[in-house]
């Protein structure tokens, strides 16, 4: 029989009282920063996370707040200043990787704690339905003959759309610094320029052009996916001889200085969320591609993506 003395009880009590200092406390009152204005991709991702984490009972409560500006780098600076806060996350993605370099941000992603890559959306190249360019080869032939005469419309300078045009230029043998890229602040402006035949081609995530493609107003001539995408009848750029794979991915990072146990808890919560039926329904409803990757794999991916992005932006002439 176990002999429990008063001294033993007191010793155990002391250990239990001391335990919280070394044992993970759990995620309480999680806050997710969307470093952009409400309504955009980062905001939608943040609020989808909020809903699924709460509904699945993985984390409660979850609050989303917005810190817009400078391609997310204003929010990034705030995240960096919240060192050691294991109850704070920030949504980010490829656009931020580029913005860090084009804005000469003092804080980059090597200063934060990577948690997981979540989703992605592949880019499509479209032309007006009346365009003489029936495929990517037709467009490239005209582009090589006179780079400045073939205008591409897309999102902000240095963003994912601009990067794709730079990658296509490199793959096609066109000097990226000579390409005519017209940046717009929103998809509506890009669409208007296309439908008004003010530009030769446009670039955006498939979802932005889907309705016009299906209505026959735009012709999609290439998608930047590594393989054919279910439900999207657009040939990949790879299948047309251009070795391009580019997704406008979105992920989650935490402040620097959090403990190993705090990081493990955050990764575990997102791993469980990713496996849930509710998250799969979000992906299907939003038509987001599942690009989930967590923990150390995401750490490595971020480092490689920063190098790749810098190379593209140097080719375009936006960074040195």
C-alpha atoms as a PDB file:
ATOM      1  CA  UNK A   1       0.000   0.000   0.000  1.00  0.00           C
ATOM      2  CA  UNK A   2       1.203   3.495  -0.920  1.00  0.00           C
ATOM      3  CA  UNK A   3       2.332   5.404   2.192  1.00  0.00           C
ATOM      4  CA  UNK A   4       1.302   9.076   1.742  1.00  0.00           C
ATOM      5  CA  UNK A   5       2.596  11.297   4.512  1.00  0.00           C
ATOM      6  CA  UNK A   6       1.756  14.909   5.279  1.00  0.00           C
ATOM      7  CA  UNK A   7       5.185  15.868   3.979  1.00  0.00           C
ATOM      8  CA  UNK A   8       4.468  14.117   0.645  1.00  0.00           C
ATOM      9  CA  UNK A   9       1.153  15.971   0.251  1.00  0.00           C
ATOM     10  CA  UNK A  10       2.835  19.302   0.910  1.00  0.00           C
ATOM     11  CA  UNK A  11       5.578  18.503  -1.610  1.00  0.00           C
ATOM     12  CA  UNK A  12       3.044  17.532  -4.307  1.00  0.00           C
ATOM     13  CA  UNK A  13       1.031  20.675  -3.623  1.00  0.00           C
ATOM     14  CA  UNK A  14       4.124  22.810  -4.061  1.00  0.00           C
ATOM     15  CA  UNK A  15       4.897  21.113  -7.403  1.00  0.00           C
ATOM     16  CA  UNK A  16       1.356  21.638  -8.665  1.00  0.00           C
ATOM     17  CA  UNK A  17       1.466  25.301  -7.730  1.00  0.00           C
ATOM     18  CA  UNK A  18       4.757  25.689  -9.567  1.00  0.00           C
ATOM     19  CA  UNK A  19       3.647  23.749 -12.673  1.00  0.00           C
ATOM     20  CA  UNK A  20       1.904  26.597 -14.558  1.00  0.00           C
ATOM     21  CA  UNK A  21       5.201  28.412 -14.878  1.00  0.00           C
ATOM     22  CA  UNK A  22       6.551  25.654 -17.101  1.00  0.00           C
ATOM     23  CA  UNK A  23       3.459  24.024 -18.627  1.00  0.00           C
ATOM     24  CA  UNK A  24       1.723  25.620 -21.647  1.00  0.00           C
ATOM     25  CA  UNK A  25      -1.289  27.673 -20.615  1.00  0.00           C
ATOM     26  CA  UNK A  26      -3.368  27.172 -23.764  1.00  0.00           C
ATOM     27  CA  UNK A  27      -4.611  29.718 -26.293  1.00  0.00           C
ATOM     28  CA  UNK A  28      -6.889  32.266 -24.643  1.00  0.00           C
ATOM     29  CA  UNK A  29      -8.645  35.216 -26.251  1.00  0.00           C
ATOM     30  CA  UNK A  30      -6.968  34.684 -29.626  1.00  0.00           C
ATOM     31  CA  UNK A  31      -6.712  37.757 -31.821  1.00  0.00           C
ATOM     32  CA  UNK A  32      -6.181  37.551 -35.581  1.00  0.00           C
ATOM     33  CA  UNK A  33      -4.905  40.614 -37.406  1.00  0.00           C
ATOM     34  CA  UNK A  34      -5.945  41.145 -41.025  1.00  0.00           C
ATOM     35  CA  UNK A  35      -3.300  43.634 -42.216  1.00  0.00           C
ATOM     36  CA  UNK A  36      -5.642  45.126 -44.833  1.00  0.00           C
ATOM     37  CA  UNK A  37      -9.038  46.790 -45.117  1.00  0.00           C
ATOM     38  CA  UNK A  38     -12.223  44.761 -44.537  1.00  0.00           C
ATOM     39  CA  UNK A  39     -13.536  42.726 -47.460  1.00  0.00           C
ATOM     40  CA  UNK A  40     -10.296  41.666 -49.124  1.00  0.00           C
ATOM     41  CA  UNK A  41      -8.619  38.268 -49.242  1.00  0.00           C
ATOM     42  CA  UNK A  42      -6.708  38.588 -45.965  1.00  0.00           C
ATOM     43  CA  UNK A  43      -9.837  39.801 -44.187  1.00  0.00           C
ATOM     44  CA  UNK A  44     -11.933  36.949 -45.627  1.00  0.00           C
ATOM     45  CA  UNK A  45      -9.297  34.415 -44.593  1.00  0.00           C
ATOM     46  CA  UNK A  46      -9.083  35.837 -41.063  1.00  0.00           C
ATOM     47  CA  UNK A  47     -12.841  35.744 -40.555  1.00  0.00           C
ATOM     48  CA  UNK A  48     -13.127  32.226 -41.983  1.00  0.00           C
ATOM     49  CA  UNK A  49     -10.462  31.128 -39.487  1.00  0.00           C
ATOM     50  CA  UNK A  50     -12.348  32.854 -36.692  1.00  0.00           C
ATOM     51  CA  UNK A  51     -15.588  31.039 -37.532  1.00  0.00           C
ATOM     52  CA  UNK A  52     -14.106  27.552 -37.884  1.00  0.00           C
ATOM     53  CA  UNK A  53     -11.817  27.750 -34.844  1.00  0.00           C
ATOM     54  CA  UNK A  54     -14.749  28.828 -32.672  1.00  0.00           C
ATOM     55  CA  UNK A  55     -17.385  26.514 -34.161  1.00  0.00           C
ATOM     56  CA  UNK A  56     -15.070  23.505 -33.857  1.00  0.00           C
ATOM     57  CA  UNK A  57     -14.300  24.397 -30.234  1.00  0.00           C
ATOM     58  CA  UNK A  58     -10.575  24.634 -30.931  1.00  0.00           C
ATOM     59  CA  UNK A  59     -10.134  28.184 -29.618  1.00  0.00           C
ATOM     60  CA  UNK A  60     -12.595  30.495 -27.868  1.00  0.00           C
ATOM     61  CA  UNK A  61     -13.044  33.374 -28.180  1.00  0.00           C
ATOM     62  CA  UNK A  62     -11.424  34.623 -31.416  1.00  0.00           C
ATOM     63  CA  UNK A  63     -11.381  38.293 -32.406  1.00  0.00           C
ATOM     64  CA  UNK A  64     -10.462  39.682 -35.844  1.00  0.00           C
ATOM     65  CA  UNK A  65      -9.206  43.238 -36.308  1.00  0.00           C
ATOM     66  CA  UNK A  66      -7.899  45.171 -39.330  1.00  0.00           C
ATOM     67  CA  UNK A  67      -4.659  47.140 -39.702  1.00  0.00           C
ATOM     68  CA  UNK A  68      -4.570  48.285 -43.353  1.00  0.00           C
ATOM     69  CA  UNK A  69      -1.736  49.893 -45.281  1.00  0.00           C
ATOM     70  CA  UNK A  70       1.432  49.426 -47.333  1.00  0.00           C
ATOM     71  CA  UNK A  71       0.773  45.892 -48.536  1.00  0.00           C
ATOM     72  CA  UNK A  72       0.436  44.638 -44.970  1.00  0.00           C
ATOM     73  CA  UNK A  73       3.773  45.966 -43.751  1.00  0.00           C
ATOM     74  CA  UNK A  74       2.143  48.359 -41.239  1.00  0.00           C
ATOM     75  CA  UNK A  75       0.471  45.376 -39.607  1.00  0.00           C
ATOM     76  CA  UNK A  76       3.718  43.433 -39.807  1.00  0.00           C
ATOM     77  CA  UNK A  77       5.508  46.139 -37.807  1.00  0.00           C
ATOM     78  CA  UNK A  78       2.789  45.959 -35.134  1.00  0.00           C
ATOM     79  CA  UNK A  79       3.118  42.183 -34.986  1.00  0.00           C
ATOM     80  CA  UNK A  80       6.873  42.489 -34.517  1.00  0.00           C
ATOM     81  CA  UNK A  81       6.341  44.875 -31.607  1.00  0.00           C
ATOM     82  CA  UNK A  82       4.051  42.337 -29.893  1.00  0.00           C
ATOM     83  CA  UNK A  83       7.031  40.104 -29.033  1.00  0.00           C
ATOM     84  CA  UNK A  84       6.157  37.038 -26.989  1.00  0.00           C
ATOM     85  CA  UNK A  85       2.380  37.318 -27.431  1.00  0.00           C
ATOM     86  CA  UNK A  86       1.237  33.734 -28.017  1.00  0.00           C
ATOM     87  CA  UNK A  87      -2.408  34.775 -28.400  1.00  0.00           C
ATOM     88  CA  UNK A  88      -1.889  36.909 -31.502  1.00  0.00           C
ATOM     89  CA  UNK A  89      -1.782  35.820 -35.142  1.00  0.00           C
ATOM     90  CA  UNK A  90      -1.557  37.701 -38.433  1.00  0.00           C
ATOM     91  CA  UNK A  91      -2.847  36.644 -41.829  1.00  0.00           C
ATOM     92  CA  UNK A  92      -0.383  37.310 -44.644  1.00  0.00           C
ATOM     93  CA  UNK A  93       0.722  35.963 -48.009  1.00  0.00           C
ATOM     94  CA  UNK A  94       2.717  36.377 -51.197  1.00  0.00           C
ATOM     95  CA  UNK A  95       1.598  39.996 -51.612  1.00  0.00           C
ATOM     96  CA  UNK A  96       3.258  40.836 -48.287  1.00  0.00           C
ATOM     97  CA  UNK A  97       6.483  39.077 -49.317  1.00  0.00           C
ATOM     98  CA  UNK A  98       6.658  41.427 -52.294  1.00  0.00           C
ATOM     99  CA  UNK A  99       5.528  44.519 -50.383  1.00  0.00           C
ATOM    100  CA  UNK A 100       8.292  44.056 -47.819  1.00  0.00           C
ATOM    101  CA  UNK A 101      10.835  44.426 -50.601  1.00  0.00           C
ATOM    102  CA  UNK A 102       9.175  47.145 -52.679  1.00  0.00           C
ATOM    103  CA  UNK A 103       8.420  49.254 -49.578  1.00  0.00           C
ATOM    104  CA  UNK A 104      11.874  48.689 -48.036  1.00  0.00           C
ATOM    105  CA  UNK A 105      10.176  47.543 -44.852  1.00  0.00           C
ATOM    106  CA  UNK A 106      12.400  47.603 -41.779  1.00  0.00           C
ATOM    107  CA  UNK A 107      10.702  44.393 -40.589  1.00  0.00           C
ATOM    108  CA  UNK A 108      10.668  41.284 -42.752  1.00  0.00           C
ATOM    109  CA  UNK A 109       9.279  37.794 -42.271  1.00  0.00           C
ATOM    110  CA  UNK A 110      12.525  36.495 -40.792  1.00  0.00           C
ATOM    111  CA  UNK A 111      11.553  38.507 -37.680  1.00  0.00           C
ATOM    112  CA  UNK A 112       8.257  36.676 -36.984  1.00  0.00           C
ATOM    113  CA  UNK A 113       7.189  33.126 -36.121  1.00  0.00           C
ATOM    114  CA  UNK A 114       5.790  31.168 -39.108  1.00  0.00           C
ATOM    115  CA  UNK A 115       2.783  28.996 -38.219  1.00  0.00           C
ATOM    116  CA  UNK A 116       1.093  27.701 -41.405  1.00  0.00           C
ATOM    117  CA  UNK A 117       0.354  28.265 -45.075  1.00  0.00           C
ATOM    118  CA  UNK A 118      -3.386  27.882 -45.618  1.00  0.00           C
ATOM    119  CA  UNK A 119      -4.741  28.476 -49.092  1.00  0.00           C
ATOM    120  CA  UNK A 120      -3.880  29.700 -52.529  1.00  0.00           C
ATOM    121  CA  UNK A 121      -5.456  30.950 -55.708  1.00  0.00           C
ATOM    122  CA  UNK A 122      -3.826  30.471 -59.076  1.00  0.00           C
ATOM    123  CA  UNK A 123      -3.558  33.338 -61.522  1.00  0.00           C
ATOM    124  CA  UNK A 124      -5.125  33.389 -64.976  1.00  0.00           C
ATOM    125  CA  UNK A 125      -4.163  35.361 -68.052  1.00  0.00           C
ATOM    126  CA  UNK A 126      -7.190  36.538 -70.004  1.00  0.00           C
ATOM    127  CA  UNK A 127      -7.835  38.466 -73.208  1.00  0.00           C
ATOM    128  CA  UNK A 128     -11.062  40.066 -74.486  1.00  0.00           C
ATOM    129  CA  UNK A 129     -13.326  37.673 -76.393  1.00  0.00           C
ATOM    130  CA  UNK A 130     -12.672  39.674 -79.580  1.00  0.00           C
ATOM    131  CA  UNK A 131      -8.883  39.404 -79.205  1.00  0.00           C
ATOM    132  CA  UNK A 132      -6.858  37.887 -82.034  1.00  0.00           C
ATOM    133  CA  UNK A 133      -4.814  35.985 -79.428  1.00  0.00           C
ATOM    134  CA  UNK A 134      -6.308  32.497 -79.151  1.00  0.00           C
ATOM    135  CA  UNK A 135      -3.639  31.088 -76.806  1.00  0.00           C
ATOM    136  CA  UNK A 136      -0.540  32.088 -74.871  1.00  0.00           C
ATOM    137  CA  UNK A 137       1.753  31.445 -77.853  1.00  0.00           C
ATOM    138  CA  UNK A 138      -0.175  34.006 -79.952  1.00  0.00           C
ATOM    139  CA  UNK A 139       0.104  36.606 -77.200  1.00  0.00           C
ATOM    140  CA  UNK A 140       3.805  35.906 -76.641  1.00  0.00           C
ATOM    141  CA  UNK A 141       4.590  36.171 -80.376  1.00  0.00           C
ATOM    142  CA  UNK A 142       3.120  39.684 -80.522  1.00  0.00           C
ATOM    143  CA  UNK A 143       4.816  40.561 -77.230  1.00  0.00           C
ATOM    144  CA  UNK A 144       8.263  39.497 -78.429  1.00  0.00           C
ATOM    145  CA  UNK A 145       7.819  41.469 -81.648  1.00  0.00           C
ATOM    146  CA  UNK A 146       7.045  44.685 -79.764  1.00  0.00           C
ATOM    147  CA  UNK A 147       7.173  44.406 -75.939  1.00  0.00           C
ATOM    148  CA  UNK A 148       5.900  47.910 -75.241  1.00  0.00           C
ATOM    149  CA  UNK A 149       2.861  47.579 -77.516  1.00  0.00           C
ATOM    150  CA  UNK A 150       1.316  44.677 -75.597  1.00  0.00           C
ATOM    151  CA  UNK A 151      -0.164  46.047 -72.379  1.00  0.00           C
ATOM    152  CA  UNK A 152      -1.056  43.822 -69.414  1.00  0.00           C
ATOM    153  CA  UNK A 153      -3.516  44.990 -66.756  1.00  0.00           C
ATOM    154  CA  UNK A 154      -3.444  43.732 -63.186  1.00  0.00           C
ATOM    155  CA  UNK A 155      -3.257  44.658 -59.519  1.00  0.00           C
ATOM    156  CA  UNK A 156      -0.742  46.848 -57.737  1.00  0.00           C
ATOM    157  CA  UNK A 157       2.859  47.143 -58.909  1.00  0.00           C
ATOM    158  CA  UNK A 158       4.963  44.376 -57.398  1.00  0.00           C
ATOM    159  CA  UNK A 159       1.933  42.281 -56.495  1.00  0.00           C
ATOM    160  CA  UNK A 160       1.170  38.719 -57.549  1.00  0.00           C
ATOM    161  CA  UNK A 161      -0.331  39.763 -60.915  1.00  0.00           C
ATOM    162  CA  UNK A 162       2.753  41.810 -61.759  1.00  0.00           C
ATOM    163  CA  UNK A 163       4.997  38.930 -60.688  1.00  0.00           C
ATOM    164  CA  UNK A 164       3.216  36.549 -63.051  1.00  0.00           C
ATOM    165  CA  UNK A 165       3.733  38.855 -66.025  1.00  0.00           C
ATOM    166  CA  UNK A 166       7.406  39.097 -65.049  1.00  0.00           C
ATOM    167  CA  UNK A 167       7.711  35.310 -64.870  1.00  0.00           C
ATOM    168  CA  UNK A 168       6.016  34.935 -68.256  1.00  0.00           C
ATOM    169  CA  UNK A 169       8.367  37.513 -69.760  1.00  0.00           C
ATOM    170  CA  UNK A 170      11.377  35.623 -68.419  1.00  0.00           C
ATOM    171  CA  UNK A 171      10.040  32.282 -69.700  1.00  0.00           C
ATOM    172  CA  UNK A 172       9.155  33.738 -73.111  1.00  0.00           C
ATOM    173  CA  UNK A 173      12.453  35.534 -73.663  1.00  0.00           C
ATOM    174  CA  UNK A 174      11.047  39.067 -73.266  1.00  0.00           C
ATOM    175  CA  UNK A 175      13.031  41.611 -71.232  1.00  0.00           C
ATOM    176  CA  UNK A 176      10.873  42.076 -68.083  1.00  0.00           C
ATOM    177  CA  UNK A 177      12.073  45.673 -67.735  1.00  0.00           C
ATOM    178  CA  UNK A 178      10.551  46.506 -71.137  1.00  0.00           C
ATOM    179  CA  UNK A 179       7.111  45.066 -70.466  1.00  0.00           C
ATOM    180  CA  UNK A 180       4.086  47.360 -70.373  1.00  0.00           C
ATOM    181  CA  UNK A 181       2.268  46.594 -67.123  1.00  0.00           C
ATOM    182  CA  UNK A 182      -0.680  48.786 -66.111  1.00  0.00           C
ATOM    183  CA  UNK A 183      -1.456  48.492 -62.369  1.00  0.00           C
ATOM    184  CA  UNK A 184      -4.979  49.050 -61.057  1.00  0.00           C
ATOM    185  CA  UNK A 185      -6.157  49.297 -57.461  1.00  0.00           C
ATOM    186  CA  UNK A 186      -9.044  46.882 -57.945  1.00  0.00           C
ATOM    187  CA  UNK A 187     -10.328  44.051 -60.084  1.00  0.00           C
ATOM    188  CA  UNK A 188     -13.220  46.179 -61.365  1.00  0.00           C
ATOM    189  CA  UNK A 189     -10.824  48.630 -62.997  1.00  0.00           C
ATOM    190  CA  UNK A 190      -8.834  45.805 -64.588  1.00  0.00           C
ATOM    191  CA  UNK A 191     -12.032  44.297 -65.955  1.00  0.00           C
ATOM    192  CA  UNK A 192     -13.182  47.639 -67.383  1.00  0.00           C
ATOM    193  CA  UNK A 193      -9.842  48.103 -69.156  1.00  0.00           C
ATOM    194  CA  UNK A 194     -10.133  44.626 -70.671  1.00  0.00           C
ATOM    195  CA  UNK A 195     -13.739  44.921 -71.787  1.00  0.00           C
ATOM    196  CA  UNK A 196     -12.979  48.366 -73.203  1.00  0.00           C
ATOM    197  CA  UNK A 197     -10.056  46.909 -75.198  1.00  0.00           C
ATOM    198  CA  UNK A 198      -7.674  49.379 -73.548  1.00  0.00           C
ATOM    199  CA  UNK A 199      -5.161  46.600 -72.821  1.00  0.00           C
ATOM    200  CA  UNK A 200      -4.188  43.405 -74.627  1.00  0.00           C
ATOM    201  CA  UNK A 201      -4.410  41.080 -71.631  1.00  0.00           C
ATOM    202  CA  UNK A 202      -5.275  40.976 -67.957  1.00  0.00           C
ATOM    203  CA  UNK A 203      -4.037  39.017 -64.949  1.00  0.00           C
ATOM    204  CA  UNK A 204      -5.821  38.152 -61.701  1.00  0.00           C
ATOM    205  CA  UNK A 205      -6.911  35.251 -59.547  1.00  0.00           C
ATOM    206  CA  UNK A 206      -9.329  33.000 -61.411  1.00  0.00           C
ATOM    207  CA  UNK A 207     -12.219  33.959 -59.128  1.00  0.00           C
ATOM    208  CA  UNK A 208     -12.065  37.616 -60.195  1.00  0.00           C
ATOM    209  CA  UNK A 209     -12.616  36.760 -63.873  1.00  0.00           C
ATOM    210  CA  UNK A 210     -14.729  33.608 -63.527  1.00  0.00           C
ATOM    211  CA  UNK A 211     -18.132  35.175 -64.293  1.00  0.00           C
ATOM    212  CA  UNK A 212     -16.864  36.996 -67.394  1.00  0.00           C
ATOM    213  CA  UNK A 213     -15.027  33.900 -68.638  1.00  0.00           C
ATOM    214  CA  UNK A 214     -18.159  31.769 -68.287  1.00  0.00           C
ATOM    215  CA  UNK A 215     -20.259  34.501 -69.934  1.00  0.00           C
ATOM    216  CA  UNK A 216     -17.940  34.469 -72.947  1.00  0.00           C
ATOM    217  CA  UNK A 217     -16.780  38.073 -72.480  1.00  0.00           C
ATOM    218  CA  UNK A 218     -13.198  37.067 -71.694  1.00  0.00           C
ATOM    219  CA  UNK A 219     -11.026  34.237 -72.992  1.00  0.00           C
ATOM    220  CA  UNK A 220      -8.699  32.593 -70.454  1.00  0.00           C
ATOM    221  CA  UNK A 221      -5.538  31.495 -72.221  1.00  0.00           C
ATOM    222  CA  UNK A 222      -3.419  30.228 -69.314  1.00  0.00           C
ATOM    223  CA  UNK A 223      -3.411  29.466 -65.611  1.00  0.00           C
ATOM    224  CA  UNK A 224      -0.337  29.498 -63.361  1.00  0.00           C
ATOM    225  CA  UNK A 225      -1.097  26.144 -61.690  1.00  0.00           C
ATOM    226  CA  UNK A 226       1.334  23.187 -61.776  1.00  0.00           C
ATOM    227  CA  UNK A 227      -1.406  20.946 -63.181  1.00  0.00           C
ATOM    228  CA  UNK A 228      -4.948  21.147 -64.536  1.00  0.00           C
ATOM    229  CA  UNK A 229      -7.431  22.353 -61.914  1.00  0.00           C
ATOM    230  CA  UNK A 230     -10.723  20.584 -61.334  1.00  0.00           C
ATOM    231  CA  UNK A 231     -13.647  22.671 -62.527  1.00  0.00           C
ATOM    232  CA  UNK A 232     -11.424  25.194 -64.353  1.00  0.00           C
ATOM    233  CA  UNK A 233     -11.223  24.599 -68.104  1.00  0.00           C
ATOM    234  CA  UNK A 234      -8.087  26.672 -68.665  1.00  0.00           C
ATOM    235  CA  UNK A 235      -4.789  25.174 -69.933  1.00  0.00           C
ATOM    236  CA  UNK A 236      -1.829  25.564 -67.628  1.00  0.00           C
ATOM    237  CA  UNK A 237       1.078  27.709 -68.709  1.00  0.00           C
ATOM    238  CA  UNK A 238       3.304  24.670 -68.120  1.00  0.00           C
ATOM    239  CA  UNK A 239       1.317  22.621 -70.646  1.00  0.00           C
ATOM    240  CA  UNK A 240       1.975  25.396 -73.176  1.00  0.00           C
ATOM    241  CA  UNK A 241       5.735  25.284 -72.665  1.00  0.00           C
ATOM    242  CA  UNK A 242       6.181  27.988 -70.009  1.00  0.00           C
ATOM    243  CA  UNK A 243       7.612  26.579 -66.771  1.00  0.00           C
ATOM    244  CA  UNK A 244       5.616  28.759 -64.375  1.00  0.00           C
ATOM    245  CA  UNK A 245       4.000  27.784 -61.058  1.00  0.00           C
ATOM    246  CA  UNK A 246       2.662  30.719 -59.045  1.00  0.00           C
ATOM    247  CA  UNK A 247      -0.088  30.807 -56.442  1.00  0.00           C
ATOM    248  CA  UNK A 248      -1.336  33.833 -54.568  1.00  0.00           C
ATOM    249  CA  UNK A 249      -1.030  31.957 -51.276  1.00  0.00           C
ATOM    250  CA  UNK A 250      -2.119  33.055 -47.820  1.00  0.00           C
ATOM    251  CA  UNK A 251      -0.737  31.994 -44.470  1.00  0.00           C
ATOM    252  CA  UNK A 252      -0.536  32.698 -40.761  1.00  0.00           C
ATOM    253  CA  UNK A 253       2.356  33.986 -38.638  1.00  0.00           C
ATOM    254  CA  UNK A 254       2.774  34.867 -34.960  1.00  0.00           C
ATOM    255  CA  UNK A 255       4.951  37.470 -33.200  1.00  0.00           C
ATOM    256  CA  UNK A 256       8.625  36.792 -32.532  1.00  0.00           C
ATOM    257  CA  UNK A 257       9.727  35.534 -29.145  1.00  0.00           C
ATOM    258  CA  UNK A 258       6.874  33.140 -28.405  1.00  0.00           C
ATOM    259  CA  UNK A 259       7.852  29.907 -26.643  1.00  0.00           C
ATOM    260  CA  UNK A 260       8.199  26.530 -28.355  1.00  0.00           C
ATOM    261  CA  UNK A 261       5.111  25.317 -26.498  1.00  0.00           C
ATOM    262  CA  UNK A 262       3.079  28.338 -27.607  1.00  0.00           C
ATOM    263  CA  UNK A 263       4.074  27.755 -31.228  1.00  0.00           C
ATOM    264  CA  UNK A 264       3.221  24.053 -30.925  1.00  0.00           C
ATOM    265  CA  UNK A 265      -0.243  24.912 -29.571  1.00  0.00           C
ATOM    266  CA  UNK A 266      -0.941  27.321 -32.416  1.00  0.00           C
ATOM    267  CA  UNK A 267       0.260  24.842 -35.052  1.00  0.00           C
ATOM    268  CA  UNK A 268      -1.810  22.068 -33.445  1.00  0.00           C
ATOM    269  CA  UNK A 269      -4.966  24.223 -33.459  1.00  0.00           C
ATOM    270  CA  UNK A 270      -4.548  25.010 -37.163  1.00  0.00           C
ATOM    271  CA  UNK A 271      -3.693  21.378 -38.000  1.00  0.00           C
ATOM    272  CA  UNK A 272      -6.974  20.307 -36.382  1.00  0.00           C
ATOM    273  CA  UNK A 273      -8.881  23.094 -38.100  1.00  0.00           C
ATOM    274  CA  UNK A 274      -7.461  22.072 -41.483  1.00  0.00           C
ATOM    275  CA  UNK A 275      -8.732  18.506 -40.999  1.00  0.00           C
ATOM    276  CA  UNK A 276     -12.245  19.627 -40.073  1.00  0.00           C
ATOM    277  CA  UNK A 277     -15.256  19.276 -42.343  1.00  0.00           C
ATOM    278  CA  UNK A 278     -16.101  22.920 -41.668  1.00  0.00           C
ATOM    279  CA  UNK A 279     -12.785  24.117 -43.141  1.00  0.00           C
ATOM    280  CA  UNK A 280     -13.253  21.909 -46.213  1.00  0.00           C
ATOM    281  CA  UNK A 281     -16.645  23.554 -46.707  1.00  0.00           C
ATOM    282  CA  UNK A 282     -14.999  26.992 -46.501  1.00  0.00           C
ATOM    283  CA  UNK A 283     -12.469  26.000 -49.177  1.00  0.00           C
ATOM    284  CA  UNK A 284     -15.256  24.730 -51.424  1.00  0.00           C
ATOM    285  CA  UNK A 285     -17.489  27.768 -50.920  1.00  0.00           C
ATOM    286  CA  UNK A 286     -14.694  30.280 -51.400  1.00  0.00           C
ATOM    287  CA  UNK A 287     -13.104  28.228 -54.202  1.00  0.00           C
ATOM    288  CA  UNK A 288      -9.734  28.429 -52.455  1.00  0.00           C
ATOM    289  CA  UNK A 289      -7.081  25.833 -53.276  1.00  0.00           C
ATOM    290  CA  UNK A 290      -5.872  23.856 -50.262  1.00  0.00           C
ATOM    291  CA  UNK A 291      -2.134  24.529 -49.927  1.00  0.00           C
ATOM    292  CA  UNK A 292      -1.827  23.669 -46.253  1.00  0.00           C
ATOM    293  CA  UNK A 293       1.660  23.428 -44.792  1.00  0.00           C
ATOM    294  CA  UNK A 294       2.588  23.969 -41.154  1.00  0.00           C
ATOM    295  CA  UNK A 295       5.482  24.064 -38.716  1.00  0.00           C
ATOM    296  CA  UNK A 296       9.080  23.770 -39.909  1.00  0.00           C
ATOM    297  CA  UNK A 297       8.067  23.125 -43.546  1.00  0.00           C
ATOM    298  CA  UNK A 298       6.415  26.539 -43.660  1.00  0.00           C
ATOM    299  CA  UNK A 299       9.532  28.097 -42.100  1.00  0.00           C
ATOM    300  CA  UNK A 300      11.636  26.786 -44.986  1.00  0.00           C
ATOM    301  CA  UNK A 301       9.026  27.732 -47.605  1.00  0.00           C
ATOM    302  CA  UNK A 302       8.961  31.355 -46.415  1.00  0.00           C
ATOM    303  CA  UNK A 303      12.733  31.683 -46.718  1.00  0.00           C
ATOM    304  CA  UNK A 304      12.722  30.251 -50.247  1.00  0.00           C
ATOM    305  CA  UNK A 305       9.748  32.393 -51.282  1.00  0.00           C
ATOM    306  CA  UNK A 306      11.506  35.568 -50.138  1.00  0.00           C
ATOM    307  CA  UNK A 307      14.487  34.706 -52.358  1.00  0.00           C
ATOM    308  CA  UNK A 308      12.286  33.824 -55.350  1.00  0.00           C
ATOM    309  CA  UNK A 309      10.197  36.972 -55.007  1.00  0.00           C
ATOM    310  CA  UNK A 310      13.253  39.199 -54.821  1.00  0.00           C
ATOM    311  CA  UNK A 311      14.564  37.650 -58.029  1.00  0.00           C
ATOM    312  CA  UNK A 312      11.288  38.321 -59.864  1.00  0.00           C
ATOM    313  CA  UNK A 313      11.081  41.919 -58.620  1.00  0.00           C
ATOM    314  CA  UNK A 314      14.709  42.522 -59.602  1.00  0.00           C
ATOM    315  CA  UNK A 315      13.947  41.274 -63.118  1.00  0.00           C
ATOM    316  CA  UNK A 316      11.008  43.667 -63.323  1.00  0.00           C
ATOM    317  CA  UNK A 317      13.196  46.495 -62.042  1.00  0.00           C
ATOM    318  CA  UNK A 318      11.237  47.299 -58.887  1.00  0.00           C
ATOM    319  CA  UNK A 319      14.031  46.397 -56.442  1.00  0.00           C
ATOM    320  CA  UNK A 320      17.805  46.361 -56.683  1.00  0.00           C
END
